[in-house]
């Protein structure tokens, strides 16, 4: 639990780079914080730019792809 608390502060101070490891799993994703509670200021900016029409073709991983990658990472250590 303490680890999640620290990550939230790192995410705030680094504009979401605390979740950068997610970028390595989903290289094409515009969002590093993949869960609702993962603060990602960079994503908020990209989302705003998309809403006002300045960013297009913004990509995010599907729920199926996230689930598949989570199982792949679990099987890696067996």
PDB file of N, CA and C in Angstrom:
ATOM      1  N   UNK A   1       0.817  -1.192   0.000  1.00  0.00           N
ATOM      2  CA  UNK A   1       0.000   0.000   0.000  1.00  0.00           C
ATOM      3  C   UNK A   1       0.864   1.259   0.000  1.00  0.00           C
ATOM      4  N   UNK A   2       1.954   1.217   0.736  1.00  0.00           N
ATOM      5  CA  UNK A   2       2.860   2.358   0.772  1.00  0.00           C
ATOM      6  C   UNK A   2       3.426   2.612  -0.618  1.00  0.00           C
ATOM      7  N   UNK A   3       3.703   1.546  -1.354  1.00  0.00           N
ATOM      8  CA  UNK A   3       4.250   1.681  -2.705  1.00  0.00           C
ATOM      9  C   UNK A   3       3.291   2.468  -3.607  1.00  0.00           C
ATOM     10  N   UNK A   4       1.996   2.176  -3.550  1.00  0.00           N
ATOM     11  CA  UNK A   4       1.017   2.895  -4.354  1.00  0.00           C
ATOM     12  C   UNK A   4       0.971   4.363  -3.958  1.00  0.00           C
ATOM     13  N   UNK A   5       1.089   4.652  -2.678  1.00  0.00           N
ATOM     14  CA  UNK A   5       1.092   6.028  -2.189  1.00  0.00           C
ATOM     15  C   UNK A   5       2.275   6.790  -2.782  1.00  0.00           C
ATOM     16  N   UNK A   6       3.435   6.172  -2.782  1.00  0.00           N
ATOM     17  CA  UNK A   6       4.635   6.804  -3.330  1.00  0.00           C
ATOM     18  C   UNK A   6       4.491   7.007  -4.834  1.00  0.00           C
ATOM     19  N   UNK A   7       3.964   6.014  -5.551  1.00  0.00           N
ATOM     20  CA  UNK A   7       3.783   6.144  -6.994  1.00  0.00           C
ATOM     21  C   UNK A   7       2.868   7.301  -7.351  1.00  0.00           C
ATOM     22  N   UNK A   8       1.838   7.536  -6.541  1.00  0.00           N
ATOM     23  CA  UNK A   8       0.925   8.653  -6.822  1.00  0.00           C
ATOM     24  C   UNK A   8       1.659   9.983  -6.743  1.00  0.00           C
ATOM     25  N   UNK A   9       2.534  10.144  -5.757  1.00  0.00           N
ATOM     26  CA  UNK A   9       3.302  11.382  -5.652  1.00  0.00           C
ATOM     27  C   UNK A   9       4.305  11.509  -6.800  1.00  0.00           C
ATOM     28  N   UNK A  10       4.947  10.401  -7.135  1.00  0.00           N
ATOM     29  CA  UNK A  10       5.884  10.428  -8.267  1.00  0.00           C
ATOM     30  C   UNK A  10       5.138  10.790  -9.548  1.00  0.00           C
ATOM     31  N   UNK A  11       3.947  10.231  -9.732  1.00  0.00           N
ATOM     32  CA  UNK A  11       3.149  10.532 -10.917  1.00  0.00           C
ATOM     33  C   UNK A  11       2.795  12.009 -10.979  1.00  0.00           C
ATOM     34  N   UNK A  12       2.429  12.589  -9.861  1.00  0.00           N
ATOM     35  CA  UNK A  12       2.103  14.017  -9.843  1.00  0.00           C
ATOM     36  C   UNK A  12       3.313  14.878 -10.170  1.00  0.00           C
ATOM     37  N   UNK A  13       4.440  14.569  -9.552  1.00  0.00           N
ATOM     38  CA  UNK A  13       5.640  15.378  -9.744  1.00  0.00           C
ATOM     39  C   UNK A  13       6.270  15.207 -11.111  1.00  0.00           C
ATOM     40  N   UNK A  14       6.049  14.047 -11.736  1.00  0.00           N
ATOM     41  CA  UNK A  14       6.692  13.767 -13.034  1.00  0.00           C
ATOM     42  C   UNK A  14       5.689  13.737 -14.184  1.00  0.00           C
ATOM     43  N   UNK A  15       4.483  14.252 -13.960  1.00  0.00           N
ATOM     44  CA  UNK A  15       3.435  14.308 -14.993  1.00  0.00           C
ATOM     45  C   UNK A  15       3.083  12.932 -15.540  1.00  0.00           C
ATOM     46  N   UNK A  16       3.092  11.908 -14.707  1.00  0.00           N
ATOM     47  CA  UNK A  16       2.674  10.577 -15.118  1.00  0.00           C
ATOM     48  C   UNK A  16       3.803   9.642 -15.499  1.00  0.00           C
ATOM     49  N   UNK A  17       5.026  10.116 -15.478  1.00  0.00           N
ATOM     50  CA  UNK A  17       6.151   9.265 -15.864  1.00  0.00           C
ATOM     51  C   UNK A  17       6.406   8.155 -14.858  1.00  0.00           C
ATOM     52  N   UNK A  18       5.788   8.222 -13.696  1.00  0.00           N
ATOM     53  CA  UNK A  18       5.898   7.136 -12.722  1.00  0.00           C
ATOM     54  C   UNK A  18       5.302   5.839 -13.256  1.00  0.00           C
ATOM     55  N   UNK A  19       4.450   5.934 -14.264  1.00  0.00           N
ATOM     56  CA  UNK A  19       3.808   4.768 -14.886  1.00  0.00           C
ATOM     57  C   UNK A  19       4.469   4.434 -16.222  1.00  0.00           C
ATOM     58  N   UNK A  20       5.673   4.940 -16.441  1.00  0.00           N
ATOM     59  CA  UNK A  20       6.349   4.755 -17.726  1.00  0.00           C
ATOM     60  C   UNK A  20       6.530   3.286 -18.095  1.00  0.00           C
ATOM     61  N   UNK A  21       6.610   2.404 -17.113  1.00  0.00           N
ATOM     62  CA  UNK A  21       6.769   0.977 -17.406  1.00  0.00           C
ATOM     63  C   UNK A  21       5.608   0.464 -18.249  1.00  0.00           C
ATOM     64  N   UNK A  22       4.423   1.060 -18.116  1.00  0.00           N
ATOM     65  CA  UNK A  22       3.284   0.658 -18.944  1.00  0.00           C
ATOM     66  C   UNK A  22       3.543   0.932 -20.424  1.00  0.00           C
ATOM     67  N   UNK A  23       4.343   1.950 -20.699  1.00  0.00           N
ATOM     68  CA  UNK A  23       4.686   2.273 -22.082  1.00  0.00           C
ATOM     69  C   UNK A  23       5.443   1.117 -22.745  1.00  0.00           C
ATOM     70  N   UNK A  24       6.212   0.390 -21.993  1.00  0.00           N
ATOM     71  CA  UNK A  24       6.969  -0.721 -22.568  1.00  0.00           C
ATOM     72  C   UNK A  24       6.064  -1.900 -22.894  1.00  0.00           C
ATOM     73  N   UNK A  25       4.961  -2.035 -22.190  1.00  0.00           N
ATOM     74  CA  UNK A  25       3.992  -3.095 -22.492  1.00  0.00           C
ATOM     75  C   UNK A  25       3.084  -2.697 -23.652  1.00  0.00           C
ATOM     76  N   UNK A  26       2.755  -1.415 -23.738  1.00  0.00           N
ATOM     77  CA  UNK A  26       1.856  -0.904 -24.781  1.00  0.00           C
ATOM     78  C   UNK A  26       2.517   0.315 -25.428  1.00  0.00           C
ATOM     79  N   UNK A  27       3.444   0.065 -26.344  1.00  0.00           N
ATOM     80  CA  UNK A  27       4.248   1.135 -26.934  1.00  0.00           C
ATOM     81  C   UNK A  27       3.411   2.193 -27.634  1.00  0.00           C
ATOM     82  N   UNK A  28       2.299   1.784 -28.201  1.00  0.00           N
ATOM     83  CA  UNK A  28       1.466   2.682 -29.000  1.00  0.00           C
ATOM     84  C   UNK A  28       0.519   3.528 -28.148  1.00  0.00           C
ATOM     85  N   UNK A  29       0.415   3.247 -26.870  1.00  0.00           N
ATOM     86  CA  UNK A  29      -0.576   3.906 -26.022  1.00  0.00           C
ATOM     87  C   UNK A  29      -0.180   5.343 -25.700  1.00  0.00           C
ATOM     88  N   UNK A  30      -1.143   6.241 -25.830  1.00  0.00           N
ATOM     89  CA  UNK A  30      -0.923   7.642 -25.474  1.00  0.00           C
ATOM     90  C   UNK A  30      -1.010   7.845 -23.971  1.00  0.00           C
ATOM     91  N   UNK A  31      -1.451   6.828 -23.275  1.00  0.00           N
ATOM     92  CA  UNK A  31      -1.675   6.944 -21.836  1.00  0.00           C
ATOM     93  C   UNK A  31      -0.736   6.004 -21.080  1.00  0.00           C
ATOM     94  N   UNK A  32       0.029   6.547 -20.140  1.00  0.00           N
ATOM     95  CA  UNK A  32       0.909   5.713 -19.322  1.00  0.00           C
ATOM     96  C   UNK A  32       0.169   5.152 -18.121  1.00  0.00           C
ATOM     97  N   UNK A  33      -0.684   5.937 -17.495  1.00  0.00           N
ATOM     98  CA  UNK A  33      -1.484   5.471 -16.369  1.00  0.00           C
ATOM     99  C   UNK A  33      -2.718   4.764 -16.897  1.00  0.00           C
ATOM    100  N   UNK A  34      -2.747   3.459 -16.841  1.00  0.00           N
ATOM    101  CA  UNK A  34      -3.809   2.700 -17.497  1.00  0.00           C
ATOM    102  C   UNK A  34      -5.052   2.489 -16.639  1.00  0.00           C
ATOM    103  N   UNK A  35      -4.951   2.716 -15.355  1.00  0.00           N
ATOM    104  CA  UNK A  35      -6.099   2.573 -14.467  1.00  0.00           C
ATOM    105  C   UNK A  35      -6.623   3.953 -14.096  1.00  0.00           C
ATOM    106  N   UNK A  36      -7.873   4.038 -13.679  1.00  0.00           N
ATOM    107  CA  UNK A  36      -8.489   5.331 -13.373  1.00  0.00           C
ATOM    108  C   UNK A  36      -7.760   6.058 -12.249  1.00  0.00           C
ATOM    109  N   UNK A  37      -7.158   5.312 -11.340  1.00  0.00           N
ATOM    110  CA  UNK A  37      -6.499   5.914 -10.190  1.00  0.00           C
ATOM    111  C   UNK A  37      -5.038   6.259 -10.454  1.00  0.00           C
ATOM    112  N   UNK A  38      -4.517   5.923 -11.618  1.00  0.00           N
ATOM    113  CA  UNK A  38      -3.124   6.223 -11.955  1.00  0.00           C
ATOM    114  C   UNK A  38      -3.055   7.617 -12.581  1.00  0.00           C
ATOM    115  N   UNK A  39      -2.527   8.563 -11.828  1.00  0.00           N
ATOM    116  CA  UNK A  39      -2.462   9.954 -12.276  1.00  0.00           C
ATOM    117  C   UNK A  39      -1.475  10.071 -13.428  1.00  0.00           C
ATOM    118  N   UNK A  40      -1.936  10.640 -14.543  1.00  0.00           N
ATOM    119  CA  UNK A  40      -1.107  10.784 -15.739  1.00  0.00           C
ATOM    120  C   UNK A  40      -1.426  12.133 -16.382  1.00  0.00           C
ATOM    121  N   UNK A  41      -0.701  13.172 -15.957  1.00  0.00           N
ATOM    122  CA  UNK A  41      -0.957  14.528 -16.427  1.00  0.00           C
ATOM    123  C   UNK A  41      -0.736  14.627 -17.938  1.00  0.00           C
ATOM    124  N   UNK A  42       0.250  13.919 -18.457  1.00  0.00           N
ATOM    125  CA  UNK A  42       0.485  13.918 -19.909  1.00  0.00           C
ATOM    126  C   UNK A  42      -0.739  13.425 -20.665  1.00  0.00           C
ATOM    127  N   UNK A  43      -1.393  12.396 -20.136  1.00  0.00           N
ATOM    128  CA  UNK A  43      -2.612  11.877 -20.768  1.00  0.00           C
ATOM    129  C   UNK A  43      -3.731  12.917 -20.713  1.00  0.00           C
ATOM    130  N   UNK A  44      -3.845  13.618 -19.588  1.00  0.00           N
ATOM    131  CA  UNK A  44      -4.893  14.630 -19.472  1.00  0.00           C
ATOM    132  C   UNK A  44      -4.703  15.711 -20.535  1.00  0.00           C
ATOM    133  N   UNK A  45      -3.466  16.079 -20.785  1.00  0.00           N
ATOM    134  CA  UNK A  45      -3.184  17.086 -21.811  1.00  0.00           C
ATOM    135  C   UNK A  45      -3.523  16.541 -23.204  1.00  0.00           C
ATOM    136  N   UNK A  46      -3.104  15.310 -23.479  1.00  0.00           N
ATOM    137  CA  UNK A  46      -3.411  14.697 -24.784  1.00  0.00           C
ATOM    138  C   UNK A  46      -4.915  14.581 -24.970  1.00  0.00           C
ATOM    139  N   UNK A  47      -5.615  14.178 -23.936  1.00  0.00           N
ATOM    140  CA  UNK A  47      -7.079  14.037 -24.020  1.00  0.00           C
ATOM    141  C   UNK A  47      -7.734  15.387 -24.290  1.00  0.00           C
ATOM    142  N   UNK A  48      -7.264  16.440 -23.623  1.00  0.00           N
ATOM    143  CA  UNK A  48      -7.782  17.786 -23.872  1.00  0.00           C
ATOM    144  C   UNK A  48      -7.548  18.191 -25.326  1.00  0.00           C
ATOM    145  N   UNK A  49      -6.341  17.945 -25.821  1.00  0.00           N
ATOM    146  CA  UNK A  49      -6.035  18.280 -27.216  1.00  0.00           C
ATOM    147  C   UNK A  49      -6.909  17.496 -28.179  1.00  0.00           C
ATOM    148  N   UNK A  50      -7.241  16.261 -27.837  1.00  0.00           N
ATOM    149  CA  UNK A  50      -8.127  15.452 -28.670  1.00  0.00           C
ATOM    150  C   UNK A  50      -9.548  16.040 -28.666  1.00  0.00           C
ATOM    151  N   UNK A  51     -10.016  16.440 -27.508  1.00  0.00           N
ATOM    152  CA  UNK A  51     -11.372  16.997 -27.385  1.00  0.00           C
ATOM    153  C   UNK A  51     -11.516  18.276 -28.198  1.00  0.00           C
ATOM    154  N   UNK A  52     -10.491  19.124 -28.193  1.00  0.00           N
ATOM    155  CA  UNK A  52     -10.579  20.387 -28.937  1.00  0.00           C
ATOM    156  C   UNK A  52     -10.170  20.225 -30.398  1.00  0.00           C
ATOM    157  N   UNK A  53      -9.808  19.005 -30.804  1.00  0.00           N
ATOM    158  CA  UNK A  53      -9.524  18.726 -32.205  1.00  0.00           C
ATOM    159  C   UNK A  53      -8.089  18.906 -32.649  1.00  0.00           C
ATOM    160  N   UNK A  54      -7.175  19.107 -31.713  1.00  0.00           N
ATOM    161  CA  UNK A  54      -5.768  19.302 -32.072  1.00  0.00           C
ATOM    162  C   UNK A  54      -4.965  18.007 -32.075  1.00  0.00           C
ATOM    163  N   UNK A  55      -5.510  16.945 -31.516  1.00  0.00           N
ATOM    164  CA  UNK A  55      -4.861  15.627 -31.538  1.00  0.00           C
ATOM    165  C   UNK A  55      -5.846  14.637 -32.147  1.00  0.00           C
ATOM    166  N   UNK A  56      -5.351  13.834 -33.070  1.00  0.00           N
ATOM    167  CA  UNK A  56      -6.201  12.827 -33.714  1.00  0.00           C
ATOM    168  C   UNK A  56      -5.506  11.478 -33.683  1.00  0.00           C
ATOM    169  N   UNK A  57      -6.267  10.437 -33.919  1.00  0.00           N
ATOM    170  CA  UNK A  57      -5.736   9.081 -33.978  1.00  0.00           C
ATOM    171  C   UNK A  57      -5.013   8.684 -32.688  1.00  0.00           C
ATOM    172  N   UNK A  58      -5.576   9.082 -31.557  1.00  0.00           N
ATOM    173  CA  UNK A  58      -4.999   8.761 -30.245  1.00  0.00           C
ATOM    174  C   UNK A  58      -5.321   7.304 -29.924  1.00  0.00           C
ATOM    175  N   UNK A  59      -4.313   6.540 -29.581  1.00  0.00           N
ATOM    176  CA  UNK A  59      -4.482   5.097 -29.373  1.00  0.00           C
ATOM    177  C   UNK A  59      -4.347   4.722 -27.904  1.00  0.00           C
ATOM    178  N   UNK A  60      -5.185   3.776 -27.501  1.00  0.00           N
ATOM    179  CA  UNK A  60      -5.157   3.200 -26.158  1.00  0.00           C
ATOM    180  C   UNK A  60      -5.274   1.689 -26.274  1.00  0.00           C
ATOM    181  N   UNK A  61      -4.728   0.944 -25.330  1.00  0.00           N
ATOM    182  CA  UNK A  61      -4.879  -0.512 -25.377  1.00  0.00           C
ATOM    183  C   UNK A  61      -6.307  -0.922 -25.016  1.00  0.00           C
ATOM    184  N   UNK A  62      -6.779  -1.974 -25.641  1.00  0.00           N
ATOM    185  CA  UNK A  62      -8.112  -2.493 -25.316  1.00  0.00           C
ATOM    186  C   UNK A  62      -8.041  -3.262 -23.992  1.00  0.00           C
ATOM    187  N   UNK A  63      -9.209  -3.500 -23.392  1.00  0.00           N
ATOM    188  CA  UNK A  63      -9.248  -4.289 -22.153  1.00  0.00           C
ATOM    189  C   UNK A  63      -8.702  -5.690 -22.393  1.00  0.00           C
ATOM    190  N   UNK A  64      -9.018  -6.265 -23.559  1.00  0.00           N
ATOM    191  CA  UNK A  64      -8.515  -7.607 -23.885  1.00  0.00           C
ATOM    192  C   UNK A  64      -6.993  -7.627 -23.982  1.00  0.00           C
ATOM    193  N   UNK A  65      -6.421  -6.599 -24.594  1.00  0.00           N
ATOM    194  CA  UNK A  65      -4.969  -6.541 -24.740  1.00  0.00           C
ATOM    195  C   UNK A  65      -4.299  -6.370 -23.374  1.00  0.00           C
ATOM    196  N   UNK A  66      -4.882  -5.545 -22.497  1.00  0.00           N
ATOM    197  CA  UNK A  66      -4.320  -5.381 -21.151  1.00  0.00           C
ATOM    198  C   UNK A  66      -4.384  -6.691 -20.377  1.00  0.00           C
ATOM    199  N   UNK A  67      -5.500  -7.396 -20.508  1.00  0.00           N
ATOM    200  CA  UNK A  67      -5.648  -8.678 -19.820  1.00  0.00           C
ATOM    201  C   UNK A  67      -4.640  -9.701 -20.351  1.00  0.00           C
ATOM    202  N   UNK A  68      -4.480  -9.735 -21.662  1.00  0.00           N
ATOM    203  CA  UNK A  68      -3.529 -10.657 -22.282  1.00  0.00           C
ATOM    204  C   UNK A  68      -2.105 -10.373 -21.800  1.00  0.00           C
ATOM    205  N   UNK A  69      -1.738  -9.105 -21.731  1.00  0.00           N
ATOM    206  CA  UNK A  69      -0.393  -8.745 -21.276  1.00  0.00           C
ATOM    207  C   UNK A  69      -0.199  -9.055 -19.799  1.00  0.00           C
ATOM    208  N   UNK A  70      -1.247  -8.936 -18.995  1.00  0.00           N
ATOM    209  CA  UNK A  70      -1.098  -9.246 -17.575  1.00  0.00           C
ATOM    210  C   UNK A  70      -0.855 -10.734 -17.375  1.00  0.00           C
ATOM    211  N   UNK A  71      -1.532 -11.577 -18.155  1.00  0.00           N
ATOM    212  CA  UNK A  71      -1.291 -13.009 -18.071  1.00  0.00           C
ATOM    213  C   UNK A  71       0.092 -13.366 -18.613  1.00  0.00           C
ATOM    214  N   UNK A  72       0.536 -12.673 -19.644  1.00  0.00           N
ATOM    215  CA  UNK A  72       1.863 -12.934 -20.210  1.00  0.00           C
ATOM    216  C   UNK A  72       2.944 -12.614 -19.185  1.00  0.00           C
ATOM    217  N   UNK A  73       2.761 -11.538 -18.433  1.00  0.00           N
ATOM    218  CA  UNK A  73       3.778 -11.182 -17.439  1.00  0.00           C
ATOM    219  C   UNK A  73       3.771 -12.164 -16.270  1.00  0.00           C
ATOM    220  N   UNK A  74       2.598 -12.701 -15.925  1.00  0.00           N
ATOM    221  CA  UNK A  74       2.549 -13.705 -14.862  1.00  0.00           C
ATOM    222  C   UNK A  74       3.229 -15.000 -15.286  1.00  0.00           C
ATOM    223  N   UNK A  75       3.049 -15.395 -16.522  1.00  0.00           N
ATOM    224  CA  UNK A  75       3.636 -16.639 -17.029  1.00  0.00           C
ATOM    225  C   UNK A  75       5.147 -16.523 -17.232  1.00  0.00           C
ATOM    226  N   UNK A  76       5.646 -15.312 -17.334  1.00  0.00           N
ATOM    227  CA  UNK A  76       7.076 -15.093 -17.548  1.00  0.00           C
ATOM    228  C   UNK A  76       7.902 -15.613 -16.380  1.00  0.00           C
ATOM    229  N   UNK A  77       7.328 -15.606 -15.187  1.00  0.00           N
ATOM    230  CA  UNK A  77       8.092 -15.983 -13.994  1.00  0.00           C
ATOM    231  C   UNK A  77       7.874 -17.425 -13.573  1.00  0.00           C
ATOM    232  N   UNK A  78       7.144 -18.190 -14.335  1.00  0.00           N
ATOM    233  CA  UNK A  78       6.915 -19.593 -13.980  1.00  0.00           C
ATOM    234  C   UNK A  78       8.051 -20.473 -14.450  1.00  0.00           C
TER     235      UNK A  78
END
